[in-house]
């Protein structure tokens, strides 16, 4: 039983690593294509919005 649980956790870690890595790579390609947002294009952060 412990082997089965360990195998499932191991499998989930590998799958999540591949999925999240793919999402990150897609985001990197989008930034490379579109460029990063400038200060004027970015929405204000919480600190900037509240004036802290």
C-alpha atoms as a PDB file:
ATOM      1  CA  UNK A   1       0.000   0.000   0.000  1.00  0.00           C
ATOM      2  CA  UNK A   2       2.793   2.450   0.902  1.00  0.00           C
ATOM      3  CA  UNK A   3       4.502   1.670  -2.410  1.00  0.00           C
ATOM      4  CA  UNK A   4       1.313   2.562  -4.304  1.00  0.00           C
ATOM      5  CA  UNK A   5       0.932   5.880  -2.464  1.00  0.00           C
ATOM      6  CA  UNK A   6       4.604   6.691  -3.041  1.00  0.00           C
ATOM      7  CA  UNK A   7       4.319   5.823  -6.724  1.00  0.00           C
ATOM      8  CA  UNK A   8       1.248   8.044  -7.143  1.00  0.00           C
ATOM      9  CA  UNK A   9       2.951  10.981  -5.387  1.00  0.00           C
ATOM     10  CA  UNK A  10       6.090  10.494  -7.497  1.00  0.00           C
ATOM     11  CA  UNK A  11       3.991  10.395 -10.680  1.00  0.00           C
ATOM     12  CA  UNK A  12       2.103  13.557  -9.677  1.00  0.00           C
ATOM     13  CA  UNK A  13       5.359  15.417  -8.984  1.00  0.00           C
ATOM     14  CA  UNK A  14       6.682  14.524 -12.435  1.00  0.00           C
ATOM     15  CA  UNK A  15       3.421  15.479 -14.175  1.00  0.00           C
ATOM     16  CA  UNK A  16       3.165  18.806 -12.328  1.00  0.00           C
ATOM     17  CA  UNK A  17       6.805  19.591 -13.112  1.00  0.00           C
ATOM     18  CA  UNK A  18       6.212  19.003 -16.819  1.00  0.00           C
ATOM     19  CA  UNK A  19       2.924  20.940 -16.895  1.00  0.00           C
ATOM     20  CA  UNK A  20       4.180  23.938 -14.931  1.00  0.00           C
ATOM     21  CA  UNK A  21       7.429  23.974 -16.902  1.00  0.00           C
ATOM     22  CA  UNK A  22       5.430  24.034 -20.129  1.00  0.00           C
ATOM     23  CA  UNK A  23       3.281  26.903 -18.864  1.00  0.00           C
ATOM     24  CA  UNK A  24       6.400  28.824 -17.867  1.00  0.00           C
ATOM     25  CA  UNK A  25       7.974  28.235 -21.271  1.00  0.00           C
ATOM     26  CA  UNK A  26       4.816  29.473 -23.026  1.00  0.00           C
ATOM     27  CA  UNK A  27       4.930  32.619 -20.878  1.00  0.00           C
ATOM     28  CA  UNK A  28       8.603  33.138 -21.698  1.00  0.00           C
ATOM     29  CA  UNK A  29       7.884  32.893 -25.419  1.00  0.00           C
ATOM     30  CA  UNK A  30       4.999  35.363 -25.107  1.00  0.00           C
ATOM     31  CA  UNK A  31       7.192  37.878 -23.267  1.00  0.00           C
ATOM     32  CA  UNK A  32       9.927  37.406 -25.871  1.00  0.00           C
ATOM     33  CA  UNK A  33       7.420  38.055 -28.642  1.00  0.00           C
ATOM     34  CA  UNK A  34       5.471  40.930 -27.052  1.00  0.00           C
ATOM     35  CA  UNK A  35       8.049  42.470 -24.744  1.00  0.00           C
ATOM     36  CA  UNK A  36       7.698  43.273 -21.067  1.00  0.00           C
ATOM     37  CA  UNK A  37       5.173  45.821 -19.901  1.00  0.00           C
ATOM     38  CA  UNK A  38       6.539  49.288 -19.268  1.00  0.00           C
ATOM     39  CA  UNK A  39       5.746  51.199 -16.064  1.00  0.00           C
ATOM     40  CA  UNK A  40       2.902  52.998 -17.821  1.00  0.00           C
ATOM     41  CA  UNK A  41       1.347  49.743 -19.014  1.00  0.00           C
ATOM     42  CA  UNK A  42       1.471  47.951 -15.665  1.00  0.00           C
ATOM     43  CA  UNK A  43      -1.497  48.202 -13.312  1.00  0.00           C
ATOM     44  CA  UNK A  44      -0.512  49.803  -9.992  1.00  0.00           C
ATOM     45  CA  UNK A  45       0.596  47.442  -7.238  1.00  0.00           C
ATOM     46  CA  UNK A  46      -1.283  47.360  -3.932  1.00  0.00           C
ATOM     47  CA  UNK A  47       1.286  49.685  -2.376  1.00  0.00           C
ATOM     48  CA  UNK A  48       1.055  52.197  -5.205  1.00  0.00           C
ATOM     49  CA  UNK A  49      -2.745  52.044  -5.234  1.00  0.00           C
ATOM     50  CA  UNK A  50      -2.973  52.754  -1.488  1.00  0.00           C
ATOM     51  CA  UNK A  51      -0.186  55.339  -1.419  1.00  0.00           C
ATOM     52  CA  UNK A  52       2.081  53.567   1.105  1.00  0.00           C
END
